[in-house]
Amino acid sequence: MAISQEQIIFVIAFIVIALASWRIGEFLTRFKLPLISGYLFAGIAVGPFGLNLIIGESLGSLRVIDELSLAVIAFAAGSELYMKELLSCVGIVCADRRQY
């Protein structure tokens, strides 16, 4: 099975987009925004409603990359959480739930 030129271009483009999203995320941390913001902004920028580098018709075939990206985002979100901060919010959440 030979690798086509289109596949090579796709892989290179994906690597460039992934690195760009990481760098955007790193830049946004200077403004106290989480790293996930960079991933979201990059996704919007290259998607069908942005630069259209990833066309809407190809989104179905990118399901594996979608799942992998969500795993990375979930990992990044989890790394932003700290147990002490979560436990300090439990009382607030419980008190808020009693109102309903």
PDB file of N, CA and C in Angstrom:
ATOM      1  N   MET A   1       0.839  -1.176   0.000  1.00  0.00           N
ATOM      2  CA  MET A   1       0.000   0.000   0.000  1.00  0.00           C
ATOM      3  C   MET A   1       0.889   1.245   0.000  1.00  0.00           C
ATOM      4  N   ALA A   2       0.816   1.979  -1.056  1.00  0.00           N
ATOM      5  CA  ALA A   2       1.625   3.185  -1.198  1.00  0.00           C
ATOM      6  C   ALA A   2       0.917   4.372  -0.556  1.00  0.00           C
ATOM      7  N   ILE A   3       1.702   5.236   0.010  1.00  0.00           N
ATOM      8  CA  ILE A   3       1.160   6.443   0.627  1.00  0.00           C
ATOM      9  C   ILE A   3       1.083   7.523  -0.440  1.00  0.00           C
ATOM     10  N   SER A   4      -0.095   8.108  -0.583  1.00  0.00           N
ATOM     11  CA  SER A   4      -0.286   9.123  -1.613  1.00  0.00           C
ATOM     12  C   SER A   4       0.236  10.477  -1.139  1.00  0.00           C
ATOM     13  N   GLN A   5       0.432  11.346  -2.098  1.00  0.00           N
ATOM     14  CA  GLN A   5       0.903  12.692  -1.786  1.00  0.00           C
ATOM     15  C   GLN A   5      -0.147  13.438  -0.953  1.00  0.00           C
ATOM     16  N   GLU A   6      -1.415  13.173  -1.216  1.00  0.00           N
ATOM     17  CA  GLU A   6      -2.494  13.812  -0.463  1.00  0.00           C
ATOM     18  C   GLU A   6      -2.446  13.423   1.018  1.00  0.00           C
ATOM     19  N   GLN A   7      -2.134  12.168   1.294  1.00  0.00           N
ATOM     20  CA  GLN A   7      -2.031  11.709   2.682  1.00  0.00           C
ATOM     21  C   GLN A   7      -0.851  12.357   3.396  1.00  0.00           C
ATOM     22  N   ILE A   8       0.253  12.498   2.695  1.00  0.00           N
ATOM     23  CA  ILE A   8       1.436  13.140   3.280  1.00  0.00           C
ATOM     24  C   ILE A   8       1.134  14.599   3.610  1.00  0.00           C
ATOM     25  N   ILE A   9       0.472  15.290   2.687  1.00  0.00           N
ATOM     26  CA  ILE A   9       0.114  16.689   2.917  1.00  0.00           C
ATOM     27  C   ILE A   9      -0.841  16.806   4.101  1.00  0.00           C
ATOM     28  N   PHE A  10      -1.783  15.865   4.199  1.00  0.00           N
ATOM     29  CA  PHE A  10      -2.739  15.880   5.307  1.00  0.00           C
ATOM     30  C   PHE A  10      -2.025  15.708   6.644  1.00  0.00           C
ATOM     31  N   VAL A  11      -1.103  14.773   6.721  1.00  0.00           N
ATOM     32  CA  VAL A  11      -0.374  14.527   7.972  1.00  0.00           C
ATOM     33  C   VAL A  11       0.471  15.743   8.347  1.00  0.00           C
ATOM     34  N   ILE A  12       1.144  16.327   7.381  1.00  0.00           N
ATOM     35  CA  ILE A  12       1.956  17.519   7.650  1.00  0.00           C
ATOM     36  C   ILE A  12       1.071  18.671   8.118  1.00  0.00           C
ATOM     37  N   ALA A  13      -0.076  18.856   7.460  1.00  0.00           N
ATOM     38  CA  ALA A  13      -1.002  19.921   7.857  1.00  0.00           C
ATOM     39  C   ALA A  13      -1.516  19.688   9.270  1.00  0.00           C
ATOM     40  N   PHE A  14      -1.814  18.433   9.602  1.00  0.00           N
ATOM     41  CA  PHE A  14      -2.291  18.124  10.951  1.00  0.00           C
ATOM     42  C   PHE A  14      -1.224  18.450  11.989  1.00  0.00           C
ATOM     43  N   ILE A  15       0.011  18.102  11.704  1.00  0.00           N
ATOM     44  CA  ILE A  15       1.105  18.386  12.644  1.00  0.00           C
ATOM     45  C   ILE A  15       1.270  19.892  12.831  1.00  0.00           C
ATOM     46  N   VAL A  16       1.200  20.640  11.731  1.00  0.00           N
ATOM     47  CA  VAL A  16       1.335  22.100  11.817  1.00  0.00           C
ATOM     48  C   VAL A  16       0.187  22.695  12.629  1.00  0.00           C
ATOM     49  N   ILE A  17      -1.039  22.219  12.382  1.00  0.00           N
ATOM     50  CA  ILE A  17      -2.199  22.722  13.117  1.00  0.00           C
ATOM     51  C   ILE A  17      -2.094  22.367  14.597  1.00  0.00           C
ATOM     52  N   ALA A  18      -1.663  21.149  14.902  1.00  0.00           N
ATOM     53  CA  ALA A  18      -1.526  20.729  16.303  1.00  0.00           C
ATOM     54  C   ALA A  18      -0.478  21.571  17.023  1.00  0.00           C
ATOM     55  N   LEU A  19       0.649  21.814  16.380  1.00  0.00           N
ATOM     56  CA  LEU A  19       1.687  22.650  16.997  1.00  0.00           C
ATOM     57  C   LEU A  19       1.214  24.090  17.158  1.00  0.00           C
ATOM     58  N   ALA A  20       0.486  24.590  16.158  1.00  0.00           N
ATOM     59  CA  ALA A  20      -0.029  25.958  16.246  1.00  0.00           C
ATOM     60  C   ALA A  20      -1.028  26.088  17.388  1.00  0.00           C
ATOM     61  N   SER A  21      -1.888  25.092  17.550  1.00  0.00           N
ATOM     62  CA  SER A  21      -2.871  25.164  18.638  1.00  0.00           C
ATOM     63  C   SER A  21      -2.177  25.125  19.993  1.00  0.00           C
ATOM     64  N   TRP A  22      -1.131  24.338  20.096  1.00  0.00           N
ATOM     65  CA  TRP A  22      -0.370  24.286  21.350  1.00  0.00           C
ATOM     66  C   TRP A  22       0.276  25.643  21.640  1.00  0.00           C
ATOM     67  N   ARG A  23       0.875  26.254  20.614  1.00  0.00           N
ATOM     68  CA  ARG A  23       1.533  27.556  20.802  1.00  0.00           C
ATOM     69  C   ARG A  23       0.515  28.645  21.140  1.00  0.00           C
ATOM     70  N   ILE A  24      -0.656  28.594  20.499  1.00  0.00           N
ATOM     71  CA  ILE A  24      -1.708  29.559  20.816  1.00  0.00           C
ATOM     72  C   ILE A  24      -2.136  29.388  22.270  1.00  0.00           C
ATOM     73  N   GLY A  25      -2.276  28.145  22.691  1.00  0.00           N
ATOM     74  CA  GLY A  25      -2.630  27.875  24.086  1.00  0.00           C
ATOM     75  C   GLY A  25      -1.590  28.401  25.046  1.00  0.00           C
ATOM     76  N   GLU A  26      -0.322  28.191  24.727  1.00  0.00           N
ATOM     77  CA  GLU A  26       0.758  28.709  25.569  1.00  0.00           C
ATOM     78  C   GLU A  26       0.711  30.234  25.637  1.00  0.00           C
ATOM     79  N   PHE A  27       0.427  30.865  24.505  1.00  0.00           N
ATOM     80  CA  PHE A  27       0.335  32.325  24.472  1.00  0.00           C
ATOM     81  C   PHE A  27      -0.826  32.817  25.334  1.00  0.00           C
ATOM     82  N   LEU A  28      -1.962  32.133  25.260  1.00  0.00           N
ATOM     83  CA  LEU A  28      -3.143  32.568  26.007  1.00  0.00           C
ATOM     84  C   LEU A  28      -3.000  32.364  27.512  1.00  0.00           C
ATOM     85  N   THR A  29      -2.076  31.503  27.935  1.00  0.00           N
ATOM     86  CA  THR A  29      -1.858  31.342  29.377  1.00  0.00           C
ATOM     87  C   THR A  29      -1.291  32.618  29.994  1.00  0.00           C
ATOM     88  N   ARG A  30      -0.690  33.460  29.189  1.00  0.00           N
ATOM     89  CA  ARG A  30      -0.204  34.756  29.691  1.00  0.00           C
ATOM     90  C   ARG A  30      -1.360  35.648  30.136  1.00  0.00           C
ATOM     91  N   PHE A  31      -2.539  35.402  29.558  1.00  0.00           N
ATOM     92  CA  PHE A  31      -3.731  36.180  29.890  1.00  0.00           C
ATOM     93  C   PHE A  31      -4.643  35.430  30.856  1.00  0.00           C
ATOM     94  N   LYS A  32      -4.054  34.460  31.567  1.00  0.00           N
ATOM     95  CA  LYS A  32      -4.761  33.665  32.576  1.00  0.00           C
ATOM     96  C   LYS A  32      -5.882  32.813  31.985  1.00  0.00           C
ATOM     97  N   LEU A  33      -5.767  32.443  30.712  1.00  0.00           N
ATOM     98  CA  LEU A  33      -6.721  31.533  30.085  1.00  0.00           C
ATOM     99  C   LEU A  33      -6.123  30.133  30.079  1.00  0.00           C
ATOM    100  N   PRO A  34      -6.945  29.103  30.195  1.00  0.00           N
ATOM    101  CA  PRO A  34      -6.406  27.739  30.197  1.00  0.00           C
ATOM    102  C   PRO A  34      -5.881  27.337  28.824  1.00  0.00           C
ATOM    103  N   LEU A  35      -5.032  26.345  28.823  1.00  0.00           N
ATOM    104  CA  LEU A  35      -4.421  25.837  27.597  1.00  0.00           C
ATOM    105  C   LEU A  35      -5.469  25.367  26.592  1.00  0.00           C
ATOM    106  N   ILE A  36      -6.591  24.896  27.093  1.00  0.00           N
ATOM    107  CA  ILE A  36      -7.661  24.405  26.227  1.00  0.00           C
ATOM    108  C   ILE A  36      -8.151  25.497  25.284  1.00  0.00           C
ATOM    109  N   SER A  37      -8.081  26.734  25.710  1.00  0.00           N
ATOM    110  CA  SER A  37      -8.535  27.848  24.877  1.00  0.00           C
ATOM    111  C   SER A  37      -7.794  27.881  23.551  1.00  0.00           C
ATOM    112  N   GLY A  38      -6.507  27.591  23.578  1.00  0.00           N
ATOM    113  CA  GLY A  38      -5.731  27.560  22.338  1.00  0.00           C
ATOM    114  C   GLY A  38      -6.211  26.487  21.390  1.00  0.00           C
ATOM    115  N   TYR A  39      -6.543  25.319  21.934  1.00  0.00           N
ATOM    116  CA  TYR A  39      -7.063  24.240  21.097  1.00  0.00           C
ATOM    117  C   TYR A  39      -8.392  24.638  20.472  1.00  0.00           C
ATOM    118  N   LEU A  40      -9.236  25.277  21.257  1.00  0.00           N
ATOM    119  CA  LEU A  40     -10.543  25.685  20.740  1.00  0.00           C
ATOM    120  C   LEU A  40     -10.406  26.763  19.670  1.00  0.00           C
ATOM    121  N   PHE A  41      -9.582  27.771  19.933  1.00  0.00           N
ATOM    122  CA  PHE A  41      -9.393  28.834  18.950  1.00  0.00           C
ATOM    123  C   PHE A  41      -8.788  28.299  17.653  1.00  0.00           C
ATOM    124  N   ALA A  42      -7.826  27.407  17.761  1.00  0.00           N
ATOM    125  CA  ALA A  42      -7.216  26.827  16.565  1.00  0.00           C
ATOM    126  C   ALA A  42      -8.237  25.999  15.795  1.00  0.00           C
ATOM    127  N   GLY A  43      -9.067  25.235  16.503  1.00  0.00           N
ATOM    128  CA  GLY A  43     -10.099  24.442  15.838  1.00  0.00           C
ATOM    129  C   GLY A  43     -11.098  25.302  15.100  1.00  0.00           C
ATOM    130  N   ILE A  44     -11.492  26.391  15.716  1.00  0.00           N
ATOM    131  CA  ILE A  44     -12.420  27.310  15.055  1.00  0.00           C
ATOM    132  C   ILE A  44     -11.753  27.952  13.849  1.00  0.00           C
ATOM    133  N   ALA A  45     -10.489  28.321  13.991  1.00  0.00           N
ATOM    134  CA  ALA A  45      -9.779  29.011  12.909  1.00  0.00           C
ATOM    135  C   ALA A  45      -9.599  28.139  11.675  1.00  0.00           C
ATOM    136  N   VAL A  46      -9.298  26.863  11.850  1.00  0.00           N
ATOM    137  CA  VAL A  46      -9.015  26.016  10.686  1.00  0.00           C
ATOM    138  C   VAL A  46     -10.239  25.258  10.192  1.00  0.00           C
ATOM    139  N   GLY A  47     -11.333  25.319  10.919  1.00  0.00           N
ATOM    140  CA  GLY A  47     -12.532  24.564  10.566  1.00  0.00           C
ATOM    141  C   GLY A  47     -13.332  25.198   9.441  1.00  0.00           C
ATOM    142  N   PRO A  48     -14.501  24.610   9.161  1.00  0.00           N
ATOM    143  CA  PRO A  48     -15.346  25.075   8.058  1.00  0.00           C
ATOM    144  C   PRO A  48     -15.838  26.513   8.220  1.00  0.00           C
ATOM    145  N   PHE A  49     -15.889  27.024   9.441  1.00  0.00           N
ATOM    146  CA  PHE A  49     -16.364  28.381   9.667  1.00  0.00           C
ATOM    147  C   PHE A  49     -15.225  29.383   9.808  1.00  0.00           C
ATOM    148  N   GLY A  50     -14.003  28.931   9.630  1.00  0.00           N
ATOM    149  CA  GLY A  50     -12.835  29.803   9.712  1.00  0.00           C
ATOM    150  C   GLY A  50     -12.129  29.852   8.371  1.00  0.00           C
ATOM    151  N   LEU A  51     -10.890  29.390   8.363  1.00  0.00           N
ATOM    152  CA  LEU A  51     -10.091  29.380   7.135  1.00  0.00           C
ATOM    153  C   LEU A  51     -10.492  28.264   6.175  1.00  0.00           C
ATOM    154  N   ASN A  52     -11.349  27.361   6.627  1.00  0.00           N
ATOM    155  CA  ASN A  52     -11.848  26.242   5.824  1.00  0.00           C
ATOM    156  C   ASN A  52     -10.722  25.312   5.372  1.00  0.00           C
ATOM    157  N   LEU A  53      -9.687  25.168   6.211  1.00  0.00           N
ATOM    158  CA  LEU A  53      -8.625  24.214   5.901  1.00  0.00           C
ATOM    159  C   LEU A  53      -9.128  22.786   6.047  1.00  0.00           C
ATOM    160  N   ILE A  54     -10.080  22.592   6.944  1.00  0.00           N
ATOM    161  CA  ILE A  54     -10.730  21.294   7.095  1.00  0.00           C
ATOM    162  C   ILE A  54     -12.178  21.498   6.683  1.00  0.00           C
ATOM    163  N   ILE A  55     -12.542  20.962   5.518  1.00  0.00           N
ATOM    164  CA  ILE A  55     -13.877  21.196   4.977  1.00  0.00           C
ATOM    165  C   ILE A  55     -14.909  20.340   5.702  1.00  0.00           C
ATOM    166  N   GLY A  56     -16.140  20.803   5.679  1.00  0.00           N
ATOM    167  CA  GLY A  56     -17.211  20.138   6.398  1.00  0.00           C
ATOM    168  C   GLY A  56     -17.438  18.699   5.975  1.00  0.00           C
ATOM    169  N   GLU A  57     -17.251  18.388   4.696  1.00  0.00           N
ATOM    170  CA  GLU A  57     -17.485  17.034   4.197  1.00  0.00           C
ATOM    171  C   GLU A  57     -16.484  16.027   4.748  1.00  0.00           C
ATOM    172  N   SER A  58     -15.312  16.486   5.129  1.00  0.00           N
ATOM    173  CA  SER A  58     -14.285  15.563   5.611  1.00  0.00           C
ATOM    174  C   SER A  58     -14.365  15.312   7.115  1.00  0.00           C
ATOM    175  N   LEU A  59     -15.267  15.978   7.796  1.00  0.00           N
ATOM    176  CA  LEU A  59     -15.343  15.836   9.248  1.00  0.00           C
ATOM    177  C   LEU A  59     -15.698  14.418   9.673  1.00  0.00           C
ATOM    178  N   GLY A  60     -16.513  13.724   8.887  1.00  0.00           N
ATOM    179  CA  GLY A  60     -16.874  12.347   9.222  1.00  0.00           C
ATOM    180  C   GLY A  60     -15.682  11.413   9.204  1.00  0.00           C
ATOM    181  N   SER A  61     -14.766  11.631   8.281  1.00  0.00           N
ATOM    182  CA  SER A  61     -13.596  10.759   8.176  1.00  0.00           C
ATOM    183  C   SER A  61     -12.524  11.098   9.212  1.00  0.00           C
ATOM    184  N   LEU A  62     -12.701  12.178   9.923  1.00  0.00           N
ATOM    185  CA  LEU A  62     -11.725  12.599  10.931  1.00  0.00           C
ATOM    186  C   LEU A  62     -12.152  12.193  12.339  1.00  0.00           C
ATOM    187  N   ARG A  63     -13.008  11.204  12.446  1.00  0.00           N
ATOM    188  CA  ARG A  63     -13.558  10.793  13.743  1.00  0.00           C
ATOM    189  C   ARG A  63     -12.460  10.327  14.713  1.00  0.00           C
ATOM    190  N   VAL A  64     -11.467   9.604  14.217  1.00  0.00           N
ATOM    191  CA  VAL A  64     -10.383   9.119  15.085  1.00  0.00           C
ATOM    192  C   VAL A  64      -9.608  10.299  15.662  1.00  0.00           C
ATOM    193  N   ILE A  65      -9.311  11.267  14.818  1.00  0.00           N
ATOM    194  CA  ILE A  65      -8.587  12.449  15.277  1.00  0.00           C
ATOM    195  C   ILE A  65      -9.450  13.231  16.259  1.00  0.00           C
ATOM    196  N   ASP A  66     -10.750  13.267  16.014  1.00  0.00           N
ATOM    197  CA  ASP A  66     -11.681  13.933  16.917  1.00  0.00           C
ATOM    198  C   ASP A  66     -11.630  13.312  18.309  1.00  0.00           C
ATOM    199  N   GLU A  67     -11.679  11.989  18.366  1.00  0.00           N
ATOM    200  CA  GLU A  67     -11.639  11.298  19.657  1.00  0.00           C
ATOM    201  C   GLU A  67     -10.299  11.512  20.364  1.00  0.00           C
ATOM    202  N   LEU A  68      -9.216  11.459  19.614  1.00  0.00           N
ATOM    203  CA  LEU A  68      -7.893  11.692  20.192  1.00  0.00           C
ATOM    204  C   LEU A  68      -7.774  13.121  20.722  1.00  0.00           C
ATOM    205  N   SER A  69      -8.288  14.072  19.967  1.00  0.00           N
ATOM    206  CA  SER A  69      -8.242  15.472  20.396  1.00  0.00           C
ATOM    207  C   SER A  69      -9.042  15.688  21.671  1.00  0.00           C
ATOM    208  N   LEU A  70     -10.213  15.056  21.755  1.00  0.00           N
ATOM    209  CA  LEU A  70     -11.018  15.179  22.969  1.00  0.00           C
ATOM    210  C   LEU A  70     -10.300  14.578  24.173  1.00  0.00           C
ATOM    211  N   ALA A  71      -9.569  13.498  23.944  1.00  0.00           N
ATOM    212  CA  ALA A  71      -8.805  12.896  25.039  1.00  0.00           C
ATOM    213  C   ALA A  71      -7.711  13.850  25.519  1.00  0.00           C
ATOM    214  N   VAL A  72      -7.038  14.505  24.591  1.00  0.00           N
ATOM    215  CA  VAL A  72      -5.986  15.466  24.957  1.00  0.00           C
ATOM    216  C   VAL A  72      -6.590  16.648  25.710  1.00  0.00           C
ATOM    217  N   ILE A  73      -7.736  17.139  25.226  1.00  0.00           N
ATOM    218  CA  ILE A  73      -8.399  18.262  25.888  1.00  0.00           C
ATOM    219  C   ILE A  73      -8.839  17.873  27.296  1.00  0.00           C
ATOM    220  N   ALA A  74      -9.396  16.678  27.443  1.00  0.00           N
ATOM    221  CA  ALA A  74      -9.818  16.217  28.770  1.00  0.00           C
ATOM    222  C   ALA A  74      -8.620  16.085  29.707  1.00  0.00           C
ATOM    223  N   PHE A  75      -7.513  15.589  29.187  1.00  0.00           N
ATOM    224  CA  PHE A  75      -6.303  15.476  29.996  1.00  0.00           C
ATOM    225  C   PHE A  75      -5.813  16.855  30.426  1.00  0.00           C
ATOM    226  N   ALA A  76      -5.827  17.804  29.491  1.00  0.00           N
ATOM    227  CA  ALA A  76      -5.391  19.166  29.817  1.00  0.00           C
ATOM    228  C   ALA A  76      -6.326  19.805  30.840  1.00  0.00           C
ATOM    229  N   ALA A  77      -7.623  19.566  30.705  1.00  0.00           N
ATOM    230  CA  ALA A  77      -8.582  20.120  31.669  1.00  0.00           C
ATOM    231  C   ALA A  77      -8.366  19.508  33.043  1.00  0.00           C
ATOM    232  N   GLY A  78      -8.119  18.220  33.089  1.00  0.00           N
ATOM    233  CA  GLY A  78      -7.880  17.552  34.364  1.00  0.00           C
ATOM    234  C   GLY A  78      -6.615  18.026  35.043  1.00  0.00           C
ATOM    235  N   SER A  79      -5.628  18.392  34.257  1.00  0.00           N
ATOM    236  CA  SER A  79      -4.378  18.859  34.852  1.00  0.00           C
ATOM    237  C   SER A  79      -4.521  20.251  35.462  1.00  0.00           C
ATOM    238  N   GLU A  80      -5.598  20.958  35.117  1.00  0.00           N
ATOM    239  CA  GLU A  80      -5.847  22.288  35.671  1.00  0.00           C
ATOM    240  C   GLU A  80      -6.595  22.224  37.001  1.00  0.00           C
ATOM    241  N   LEU A  81      -7.088  21.044  37.378  1.00  0.00           N
ATOM    242  CA  LEU A  81      -7.877  20.902  38.601  1.00  0.00           C
ATOM    243  C   LEU A  81      -6.983  20.494  39.771  1.00  0.00           C
ATOM    244  N   TYR A  82      -7.282  21.048  40.923  1.00  0.00           N
ATOM    245  CA  TYR A  82      -6.548  20.711  42.130  1.00  0.00           C
ATOM    246  C   TYR A  82      -7.543  20.286  43.203  1.00  0.00           C
ATOM    247  N   MET A  83      -7.233  19.206  43.902  1.00  0.00           N
ATOM    248  CA  MET A  83      -8.165  18.610  44.854  1.00  0.00           C
ATOM    249  C   MET A  83      -8.574  19.590  45.955  1.00  0.00           C
ATOM    250  N   LYS A  84      -7.646  20.390  46.462  1.00  0.00           N
ATOM    251  CA  LYS A  84      -7.985  21.347  47.525  1.00  0.00           C
ATOM    252  C   LYS A  84      -9.027  22.354  47.035  1.00  0.00           C
ATOM    253  N   GLU A  85      -8.855  22.834  45.805  1.00  0.00           N
ATOM    254  CA  GLU A  85      -9.811  23.796  45.259  1.00  0.00           C
ATOM    255  C   GLU A  85     -11.171  23.147  45.039  1.00  0.00           C
ATOM    256  N   LEU A  86     -11.177  21.904  44.572  1.00  0.00           N
ATOM    257  CA  LEU A  86     -12.445  21.209  44.357  1.00  0.00           C
ATOM    258  C   LEU A  86     -13.172  20.975  45.668  1.00  0.00           C
ATOM    259  N   LEU A  87     -12.444  20.549  46.688  1.00  0.00           N
ATOM    260  CA  LEU A  87     -13.069  20.288  47.982  1.00  0.00           C
ATOM    261  C   LEU A  87     -13.597  21.566  48.625  1.00  0.00           C
ATOM    262  N   SER A  88     -12.946  22.689  48.372  1.00  0.00           N
ATOM    263  CA  SER A  88     -13.433  23.949  48.935  1.00  0.00           C
ATOM    264  C   SER A  88     -14.735  24.394  48.274  1.00  0.00           C
ATOM    265  N   CYS A  89     -15.023  23.894  47.089  1.00  0.00           N
ATOM    266  CA  CYS A  89     -16.249  24.258  46.372  1.00  0.00           C
ATOM    267  C   CYS A  89     -17.405  23.311  46.662  1.00  0.00           C
ATOM    268  N   VAL A  90     -17.155  22.187  47.312  1.00  0.00           N
ATOM    269  CA  VAL A  90     -18.203  21.194  47.555  1.00  0.00           C
ATOM    270  C   VAL A  90     -19.329  21.794  48.389  1.00  0.00           C
ATOM    271  N   GLY A  91     -19.003  22.537  49.416  1.00  0.00           N
ATOM    272  CA  GLY A  91     -20.024  23.160  50.255  1.00  0.00           C
ATOM    273  C   GLY A  91     -20.891  24.135  49.481  1.00  0.00           C
ATOM    274  N   ILE A  92     -20.278  24.886  48.604  1.00  0.00           N
ATOM    275  CA  ILE A  92     -21.019  25.849  47.786  1.00  0.00           C
ATOM    276  C   ILE A  92     -21.968  25.120  46.848  1.00  0.00           C
ATOM    277  N   VAL A  93     -21.490  24.066  46.224  1.00  0.00           N
ATOM    278  CA  VAL A  93     -22.318  23.301  45.295  1.00  0.00           C
ATOM    279  C   VAL A  93     -23.474  22.644  46.032  1.00  0.00           C
ATOM    280  N   CYS A  94     -23.212  22.056  47.192  1.00  0.00           N
ATOM    281  CA  CYS A  94     -24.273  21.405  47.975  1.00  0.00           C
ATOM    282  C   CYS A  94     -25.306  22.422  48.436  1.00  0.00           C
ATOM    283  N   ALA A  95     -24.872  23.589  48.882  1.00  0.00           N
ATOM    284  CA  ALA A  95     -25.802  24.627  49.318  1.00  0.00           C
ATOM    285  C   ALA A  95     -26.649  25.114  48.154  1.00  0.00           C
ATOM    286  N   ASP A  96     -26.043  25.222  46.996  1.00  0.00           N
ATOM    287  CA  ASP A  96     -26.760  25.668  45.811  1.00  0.00           C
ATOM    288  C   ASP A  96     -27.801  24.633  45.388  1.00  0.00           C
ATOM    289  N   ARG A  97     -27.473  23.357  45.508  1.00  0.00           N
ATOM    290  CA  ARG A  97     -28.390  22.284  45.118  1.00  0.00           C
ATOM    291  C   ARG A  97     -29.606  22.226  46.036  1.00  0.00           C
ATOM    292  N   ARG A  98     -29.467  22.640  47.290  1.00  0.00           N
ATOM    293  CA  ARG A  98     -30.590  22.598  48.233  1.00  0.00           C
ATOM    294  C   ARG A  98     -31.671  23.605  47.864  1.00  0.00           C
ATOM    295  N   GLN A  99     -31.312  24.629  47.124  1.00  0.00           N
ATOM    296  CA  GLN A  99     -32.281  25.653  46.742  1.00  0.00           C
ATOM    297  C   GLN A  99     -33.274  25.136  45.711  1.00  0.00           C
ATOM    298  N   TYR A 100     -32.944  24.079  45.013  1.00  0.00           N
ATOM    299  CA  TYR A 100     -33.819  23.586  43.945  1.00  0.00           C
ATOM    300  C   TYR A 100     -34.685  22.517  44.425  1.00  0.00           C
TER     301      TYR A 100
END
